Amino acid sequence: MRIYCHYGSNVITLDGPAGAGKSTIARLLADRLGCEYLDTGALYRAVTLFLLTRSIGTTEEEKISMALKECVVSLEGGKVFIDDRDVTQKIRSPEVDRAVSAYSALSAVRDFLLETQRRTAKGRKVVAEGRDMGSVVFPEASFKFFLDARVEVRAARRWEELKARGEVITFEEVKTQLSRRDELDSGRELSPLRVPEEAKVIDTSEKTVDEVIGEILAVMAGRRSC
């Protein structure tokens, strides 16, 4: 079944905590719908990498604001670029993993990427995945979904992903990191992780990727005449 993204703002949002399956589902959903995939998490990782390489800490917001005036972050063809330099692999480093939540909570970073995300989606049909897509970045999105899963399930998924990348880490360490990130993302003052208004909540703990996509498509099909 192919349903094109021609509803309202042409944006479908998928929000939720790390490990809920957002990235995988968003990519496949975008392909199924004939849309583009907007990986906003990759944009935040790119900014984090940009600031880390310049040794600018999270407490130096004035320096961050100045530095970001010289930064161009973009997504093209599934790859992530900083100033036309491909950083797709580098943004997945353990160093960026540890730092991204702290940088993402800063107003200078969020303001910078808010406009970047909206500009990237303008005039396009997109599936946008992140933590505040339906609540802040695209509040008028045609369809909003919030994917969640038990922390043990999310940690297991993340652990398998890290092991596949050759990283040496225990399950308990991954679970602790995820719990800490949940706390940071949900408790931050700016754009905290929350269920957007009118969003459909889907618990992915016991569901396959195909089942989740099927549930999303069913919701969309039910509103096609709206």
C-alpha atoms as a PDB file:
ATOM      1  CA  MET A   1       0.000   0.000   0.000  1.00  0.00           C
ATOM      2  CA  ARG A   2       1.389   3.393  -0.981  1.00  0.00           C
ATOM      3  CA  ILE A   3      -0.064   6.560   0.538  1.00  0.00           C
ATOM      4  CA  TYR A   4       1.509   9.823  -0.542  1.00  0.00           C
ATOM      5  CA  CYS A   5       2.321  12.628   1.898  1.00  0.00           C
ATOM      6  CA  HIS A   6      -0.064  15.213   0.552  1.00  0.00           C
ATOM      7  CA  TYR A   7      -1.884  15.944   3.793  1.00  0.00           C
ATOM      8  CA  GLY A   8      -1.780  19.478   5.193  1.00  0.00           C
ATOM      9  CA  SER A   9       1.785  20.503   5.893  1.00  0.00           C
ATOM     10  CA  ASN A  10       3.264  17.449   4.078  1.00  0.00           C
ATOM     11  CA  VAL A  11       5.057  16.487   7.298  1.00  0.00           C
ATOM     12  CA  ILE A  12       4.679  13.315   9.362  1.00  0.00           C
ATOM     13  CA  THR A  13       6.429  13.334  12.740  1.00  0.00           C
ATOM     14  CA  LEU A  14       7.805  10.429  14.778  1.00  0.00           C
ATOM     15  CA  ASP A  15       8.938  11.335  18.282  1.00  0.00           C
ATOM     16  CA  GLY A  16      10.113   9.218  21.189  1.00  0.00           C
ATOM     17  CA  PRO A  17      13.062   8.218  23.371  1.00  0.00           C
ATOM     18  CA  ALA A  18      16.275   6.579  22.175  1.00  0.00           C
ATOM     19  CA  GLY A  19      15.906   2.927  21.234  1.00  0.00           C
ATOM     20  CA  ALA A  20      12.178   3.070  20.503  1.00  0.00           C
ATOM     21  CA  GLY A  21      12.808   2.276  16.837  1.00  0.00           C
ATOM     22  CA  LYS A  22      12.218   5.741  15.406  1.00  0.00           C
ATOM     23  CA  SER A  23      15.094   5.823  12.940  1.00  0.00           C
ATOM     24  CA  THR A  24      14.478   2.426  11.364  1.00  0.00           C
ATOM     25  CA  ILE A  25      10.731   2.948  11.160  1.00  0.00           C
ATOM     26  CA  ALA A  26      11.029   6.518   9.864  1.00  0.00           C
ATOM     27  CA  ARG A  27      13.357   5.440   7.046  1.00  0.00           C
ATOM     28  CA  LEU A  28      11.115   2.586   5.942  1.00  0.00           C
ATOM     29  CA  LEU A  29       7.957   4.657   6.330  1.00  0.00           C
ATOM     30  CA  ALA A  30       9.399   7.464   4.214  1.00  0.00           C
ATOM     31  CA  ASP A  31      10.269   4.966   1.500  1.00  0.00           C
ATOM     32  CA  ARG A  32       6.795   3.429   1.631  1.00  0.00           C
ATOM     33  CA  LEU A  33       5.105   6.828   1.406  1.00  0.00           C
ATOM     34  CA  GLY A  34       7.335   8.282  -1.269  1.00  0.00           C
ATOM     35  CA  CYS A  35       8.614  10.938   1.166  1.00  0.00           C
ATOM     36  CA  GLU A  36      12.047  12.120   2.258  1.00  0.00           C
ATOM     37  CA  TYR A  37      13.463  11.060   5.630  1.00  0.00           C
ATOM     38  CA  LEU A  38      14.489  13.915   7.934  1.00  0.00           C
ATOM     39  CA  ASP A  39      16.893  12.507  10.535  1.00  0.00           C
ATOM     40  CA  THR A  40      16.948  15.390  13.018  1.00  0.00           C
ATOM     41  CA  GLY A  41      18.967  13.373  15.509  1.00  0.00           C
ATOM     42  CA  ALA A  42      21.792  13.315  12.984  1.00  0.00           C
ATOM     43  CA  LEU A  43      21.665  17.126  12.793  1.00  0.00           C
ATOM     44  CA  TYR A  44      22.068  17.413  16.566  1.00  0.00           C
ATOM     45  CA  ARG A  45      24.920  14.932  16.455  1.00  0.00           C
ATOM     46  CA  ALA A  46      26.589  16.945  13.704  1.00  0.00           C
ATOM     47  CA  VAL A  47      26.398  20.150  15.746  1.00  0.00           C
ATOM     48  CA  THR A  48      27.742  18.272  18.766  1.00  0.00           C
ATOM     49  CA  LEU A  49      30.685  17.011  16.711  1.00  0.00           C
ATOM     50  CA  PHE A  50      31.271  20.502  15.335  1.00  0.00           C
ATOM     51  CA  LEU A  51      31.474  22.001  18.834  1.00  0.00           C
ATOM     52  CA  LEU A  52      33.529  19.160  20.306  1.00  0.00           C
ATOM     53  CA  THR A  53      36.166  19.489  17.592  1.00  0.00           C
ATOM     54  CA  ARG A  54      36.458  23.167  18.521  1.00  0.00           C
ATOM     55  CA  SER A  55      36.696  22.347  22.232  1.00  0.00           C
ATOM     56  CA  ILE A  56      33.690  24.517  23.053  1.00  0.00           C
ATOM     57  CA  GLY A  57      31.984  23.282  26.207  1.00  0.00           C
ATOM     58  CA  THR A  58      28.289  23.269  27.059  1.00  0.00           C
ATOM     59  CA  THR A  59      28.746  26.137  29.529  1.00  0.00           C
ATOM     60  CA  GLU A  60      30.085  28.487  26.831  1.00  0.00           C
ATOM     61  CA  GLU A  61      26.820  29.449  25.144  1.00  0.00           C
ATOM     62  CA  GLU A  62      28.114  32.762  23.843  1.00  0.00           C
ATOM     63  CA  LYS A  63      30.994  30.984  22.102  1.00  0.00           C
ATOM     64  CA  ILE A  64      28.549  28.386  20.801  1.00  0.00           C
ATOM     65  CA  SER A  65      26.302  31.054  19.298  1.00  0.00           C
ATOM     66  CA  MET A  66      29.266  32.703  17.583  1.00  0.00           C
ATOM     67  CA  ALA A  67      30.668  29.398  16.292  1.00  0.00           C
ATOM     68  CA  LEU A  68      27.333  28.276  14.856  1.00  0.00           C
ATOM     69  CA  LYS A  69      27.188  31.383  12.700  1.00  0.00           C
ATOM     70  CA  GLU A  70      30.019  29.772  10.729  1.00  0.00           C
ATOM     71  CA  CYS A  71      28.477  26.295  10.653  1.00  0.00           C
ATOM     72  CA  VAL A  72      26.413  24.797   7.830  1.00  0.00           C
ATOM     73  CA  VAL A  73      24.825  21.434   8.595  1.00  0.00           C
ATOM     74  CA  SER A  74      22.889  19.527   5.951  1.00  0.00           C
ATOM     75  CA  LEU A  75      21.364  16.170   5.038  1.00  0.00           C
ATOM     76  CA  GLU A  76      21.712  14.922   1.489  1.00  0.00           C
ATOM     77  CA  GLY A  77      21.138  11.455   0.114  1.00  0.00           C
ATOM     78  CA  GLY A  78      21.138   9.836   3.543  1.00  0.00           C
ATOM     79  CA  LYS A  79      24.462  11.412   4.468  1.00  0.00           C
ATOM     80  CA  VAL A  80      25.276  14.164   6.971  1.00  0.00           C
ATOM     81  CA  PHE A  81      27.521  17.093   6.113  1.00  0.00           C
ATOM     82  CA  ILE A  82      29.226  19.869   8.041  1.00  0.00           C
ATOM     83  CA  ASP A  83      30.387  22.600   5.687  1.00  0.00           C
ATOM     84  CA  ASP A  84      30.244  20.127   2.750  1.00  0.00           C
ATOM     85  CA  ARG A  85      32.347  17.577   4.662  1.00  0.00           C
ATOM     86  CA  ASP A  86      30.807  14.116   5.039  1.00  0.00           C
ATOM     87  CA  VAL A  87      30.617  13.289   8.772  1.00  0.00           C
ATOM     88  CA  THR A  88      28.064  10.464   8.561  1.00  0.00           C
ATOM     89  CA  GLN A  89      30.331   7.988  10.357  1.00  0.00           C
ATOM     90  CA  LYS A  90      31.987  10.413  12.765  1.00  0.00           C
ATOM     91  CA  ILE A  91      28.721  11.550  14.353  1.00  0.00           C
ATOM     92  CA  ARG A  92      28.134   7.982  15.614  1.00  0.00           C
ATOM     93  CA  SER A  93      31.248   7.936  17.804  1.00  0.00           C
ATOM     94  CA  PRO A  94      31.040   7.150  21.561  1.00  0.00           C
ATOM     95  CA  GLU A  95      32.226  10.686  22.301  1.00  0.00           C
ATOM     96  CA  VAL A  96      29.272  12.170  20.441  1.00  0.00           C
ATOM     97  CA  ASP A  97      26.931   9.605  22.035  1.00  0.00           C
ATOM     98  CA  ARG A  98      27.930  10.820  25.491  1.00  0.00           C
ATOM     99  CA  ALA A  99      27.702  14.535  24.701  1.00  0.00           C
ATOM    100  CA  VAL A 100      24.741  14.975  22.352  1.00  0.00           C
ATOM    101  CA  SER A 101      22.008  15.238  25.006  1.00  0.00           C
ATOM    102  CA  ALA A 102      23.851  17.979  26.911  1.00  0.00           C
ATOM    103  CA  TYR A 103      24.449  20.072  23.780  1.00  0.00           C
ATOM    104  CA  SER A 104      20.908  19.421  22.534  1.00  0.00           C
ATOM    105  CA  ALA A 105      19.488  21.018  25.679  1.00  0.00           C
ATOM    106  CA  LEU A 106      21.120  24.386  24.930  1.00  0.00           C
ATOM    107  CA  SER A 107      18.981  27.208  23.543  1.00  0.00           C
ATOM    108  CA  ALA A 108      21.719  28.307  21.133  1.00  0.00           C
ATOM    109  CA  VAL A 109      21.832  24.844  19.567  1.00  0.00           C
ATOM    110  CA  ARG A 110      18.076  24.350  19.477  1.00  0.00           C
ATOM    111  CA  ASP A 111      17.444  27.785  17.964  1.00  0.00           C
ATOM    112  CA  PHE A 112      20.076  27.139  15.304  1.00  0.00           C
ATOM    113  CA  LEU A 113      18.658  23.751  14.347  1.00  0.00           C
ATOM    114  CA  LEU A 114      15.012  24.787  14.574  1.00  0.00           C
ATOM    115  CA  GLU A 115      15.419  26.955  11.498  1.00  0.00           C
ATOM    116  CA  THR A 116      17.681  24.393   9.837  1.00  0.00           C
ATOM    117  CA  GLN A 117      15.036  21.682  10.233  1.00  0.00           C
ATOM    118  CA  ARG A 118      12.172  23.844   8.988  1.00  0.00           C
ATOM    119  CA  ARG A 119      14.233  25.077   6.059  1.00  0.00           C
ATOM    120  CA  THR A 120      15.189  21.513   5.148  1.00  0.00           C
ATOM    121  CA  ALA A 121      11.539  20.410   5.143  1.00  0.00           C
ATOM    122  CA  LYS A 122      10.164  23.434   3.313  1.00  0.00           C
ATOM    123  CA  GLY A 123       8.485  22.484   0.064  1.00  0.00           C
ATOM    124  CA  ARG A 124       9.181  18.791   0.603  1.00  0.00           C
ATOM    125  CA  LYS A 125       7.185  15.761   1.696  1.00  0.00           C
ATOM    126  CA  VAL A 126       8.986  14.435   4.754  1.00  0.00           C
ATOM    127  CA  VAL A 127       8.912  11.994   7.628  1.00  0.00           C
ATOM    128  CA  ALA A 128      10.649  13.842  10.469  1.00  0.00           C
ATOM    129  CA  GLU A 129      12.052  11.815  13.350  1.00  0.00           C
ATOM    130  CA  GLY A 130      13.312  13.191  16.662  1.00  0.00           C
ATOM    131  CA  ARG A 131      12.255  14.221  20.148  1.00  0.00           C
ATOM    132  CA  ASP A 132      10.300  17.446  19.613  1.00  0.00           C
ATOM    133  CA  MET A 133       9.147  17.202  16.014  1.00  0.00           C
ATOM    134  CA  GLY A 134       5.416  17.180  16.657  1.00  0.00           C
ATOM    135  CA  SER A 135       5.503  19.406  19.729  1.00  0.00           C
ATOM    136  CA  VAL A 136       7.879  22.210  18.663  1.00  0.00           C
ATOM    137  CA  VAL A 137       9.419  21.971  15.207  1.00  0.00           C
ATOM    138  CA  PHE A 138       6.348  20.954  13.197  1.00  0.00           C
ATOM    139  CA  PRO A 139       3.329  21.505  15.480  1.00  0.00           C
ATOM    140  CA  GLU A 140       1.025  21.661  12.450  1.00  0.00           C
ATOM    141  CA  ALA A 141       2.195  18.326  11.059  1.00  0.00           C
ATOM    142  CA  SER A 142      -0.456  16.314   9.241  1.00  0.00           C
ATOM    143  CA  PHE A 143       0.193  13.191  11.315  1.00  0.00           C
ATOM    144  CA  LYS A 144       1.998  12.835  14.640  1.00  0.00           C
ATOM    145  CA  PHE A 145       3.218   9.612  16.228  1.00  0.00           C
ATOM    146  CA  PHE A 146       5.064   8.917  19.478  1.00  0.00           C
ATOM    147  CA  LEU A 147       7.009   5.661  19.628  1.00  0.00           C
ATOM    148  CA  ASP A 148       7.965   4.245  23.006  1.00  0.00           C
ATOM    149  CA  ALA A 149       9.196   0.973  24.531  1.00  0.00           C
ATOM    150  CA  ARG A 150      10.254  -0.348  27.911  1.00  0.00           C
ATOM    151  CA  VAL A 151      13.741   0.766  28.886  1.00  0.00           C
ATOM    152  CA  GLU A 152      14.987  -2.847  29.021  1.00  0.00           C
ATOM    153  CA  VAL A 153      13.847  -3.404  25.437  1.00  0.00           C
ATOM    154  CA  ARG A 154      15.357  -0.138  24.227  1.00  0.00           C
ATOM    155  CA  ALA A 155      18.637  -0.895  25.986  1.00  0.00           C
ATOM    156  CA  ALA A 156      18.820  -4.351  24.419  1.00  0.00           C
ATOM    157  CA  ARG A 157      18.285  -2.880  20.951  1.00  0.00           C
ATOM    158  CA  ARG A 158      20.923  -0.228  21.520  1.00  0.00           C
ATOM    159  CA  TRP A 159      23.374  -2.788  22.952  1.00  0.00           C
ATOM    160  CA  GLU A 160      23.062  -5.006  19.885  1.00  0.00           C
ATOM    161  CA  GLU A 161      23.585  -1.989  17.627  1.00  0.00           C
ATOM    162  CA  LEU A 162      26.752  -0.952  19.484  1.00  0.00           C
ATOM    163  CA  LYS A 163      28.159  -4.481  19.496  1.00  0.00           C
ATOM    164  CA  ALA A 164      27.573  -4.693  15.743  1.00  0.00           C
ATOM    165  CA  ARG A 165      29.708  -1.557  15.405  1.00  0.00           C
ATOM    166  CA  GLY A 166      32.503  -3.217  17.348  1.00  0.00           C
ATOM    167  CA  GLU A 167      32.113  -1.242  20.565  1.00  0.00           C
ATOM    168  CA  VAL A 168      32.883  -2.974  23.860  1.00  0.00           C
ATOM    169  CA  ILE A 169      30.208  -2.137  26.410  1.00  0.00           C
ATOM    170  CA  THR A 170      27.971  -4.040  28.820  1.00  0.00           C
ATOM    171  CA  PHE A 171      24.182  -4.181  28.727  1.00  0.00           C
ATOM    172  CA  GLU A 172      23.994  -2.501  32.142  1.00  0.00           C
ATOM    173  CA  GLU A 173      26.176   0.365  30.932  1.00  0.00           C
ATOM    174  CA  VAL A 174      23.893   0.890  27.936  1.00  0.00           C
ATOM    175  CA  LYS A 175      20.801   0.765  30.140  1.00  0.00           C
ATOM    176  CA  THR A 176      22.307   3.330  32.527  1.00  0.00           C
ATOM    177  CA  GLN A 177      23.204   5.627  29.620  1.00  0.00           C
ATOM    178  CA  LEU A 178      19.696   5.375  28.167  1.00  0.00           C
ATOM    179  CA  SER A 179      18.061   6.068  31.520  1.00  0.00           C
ATOM    180  CA  ARG A 180      20.282   9.097  31.987  1.00  0.00           C
ATOM    181  CA  ARG A 181      19.461  10.342  28.499  1.00  0.00           C
ATOM    182  CA  ASP A 182      15.737   9.867  29.146  1.00  0.00           C
ATOM    183  CA  GLU A 183      16.126  11.967  32.288  1.00  0.00           C
ATOM    184  CA  LEU A 184      17.999  14.723  30.446  1.00  0.00           C
ATOM    185  CA  ASP A 185      15.637  14.775  27.457  1.00  0.00           C
ATOM    186  CA  SER A 186      12.463  14.747  29.544  1.00  0.00           C
ATOM    187  CA  GLY A 187      13.658  17.140  32.226  1.00  0.00           C
ATOM    188  CA  ARG A 188      15.283  19.858  30.157  1.00  0.00           C
ATOM    189  CA  GLU A 189      13.691  23.289  30.205  1.00  0.00           C
ATOM    190  CA  LEU A 190      13.702  23.782  26.433  1.00  0.00           C
ATOM    191  CA  SER A 191      11.617  21.480  24.221  1.00  0.00           C
ATOM    192  CA  PRO A 192      11.485  18.527  26.633  1.00  0.00           C
ATOM    193  CA  LEU A 193      10.646  15.066  25.337  1.00  0.00           C
ATOM    194  CA  ARG A 194       6.884  14.663  25.608  1.00  0.00           C
ATOM    195  CA  VAL A 195       3.943  13.231  23.717  1.00  0.00           C
ATOM    196  CA  PRO A 196       2.827  15.903  21.212  1.00  0.00           C
ATOM    197  CA  GLU A 197      -0.770  17.042  21.240  1.00  0.00           C
ATOM    198  CA  GLU A 198      -2.949  14.773  19.069  1.00  0.00           C
ATOM    199  CA  ALA A 199      -0.129  12.259  18.594  1.00  0.00           C
ATOM    200  CA  LYS A 200      -0.847   8.543  18.307  1.00  0.00           C
ATOM    201  CA  VAL A 201       1.232   6.652  20.909  1.00  0.00           C
ATOM    202  CA  ILE A 202       2.611   3.291  19.826  1.00  0.00           C
ATOM    203  CA  ASP A 203       4.440   0.947  22.209  1.00  0.00           C
ATOM    204  CA  THR A 204       6.982  -0.925  20.097  1.00  0.00           C
ATOM    205  CA  SER A 205       8.211  -3.231  22.884  1.00  0.00           C
ATOM    206  CA  GLU A 206       6.537  -6.375  21.556  1.00  0.00           C
ATOM    207  CA  LYS A 207       5.984  -5.339  17.941  1.00  0.00           C
ATOM    208  CA  THR A 208       8.001  -5.932  14.807  1.00  0.00           C
ATOM    209  CA  VAL A 209       8.999  -3.066  12.532  1.00  0.00           C
ATOM    210  CA  ASP A 210       6.416  -4.207   9.971  1.00  0.00           C
ATOM    211  CA  GLU A 211       3.692  -4.238  12.628  1.00  0.00           C
ATOM    212  CA  VAL A 212       4.508  -0.686  13.716  1.00  0.00           C
ATOM    213  CA  ILE A 213       4.559   0.580  10.135  1.00  0.00           C
ATOM    214  CA  GLY A 214       1.266  -1.198   9.507  1.00  0.00           C
ATOM    215  CA  GLU A 215      -0.286   0.528  12.519  1.00  0.00           C
ATOM    216  CA  ILE A 216       0.946   3.933  11.321  1.00  0.00           C
ATOM    217  CA  LEU A 217      -0.387   3.341   7.807  1.00  0.00           C
ATOM    218  CA  ALA A 218      -3.730   2.225   9.233  1.00  0.00           C
ATOM    219  CA  VAL A 219      -4.053   5.492  11.177  1.00  0.00           C
ATOM    220  CA  MET A 220      -3.191   7.476   8.064  1.00  0.00           C
ATOM    221  CA  ALA A 221      -5.555   5.482   5.833  1.00  0.00           C
ATOM    222  CA  GLY A 222      -8.361   6.131   8.270  1.00  0.00           C
ATOM    223  CA  ARG A 223      -7.976   9.867   7.776  1.00  0.00           C
ATOM    224  CA  ARG A 224      -7.343   9.993   4.037  1.00  0.00           C
ATOM    225  CA  SER A 225     -10.660  11.658   3.367  1.00  0.00           C
ATOM    226  CA  CYS A 226     -10.084  14.442   5.926  1.00  0.00           C
END
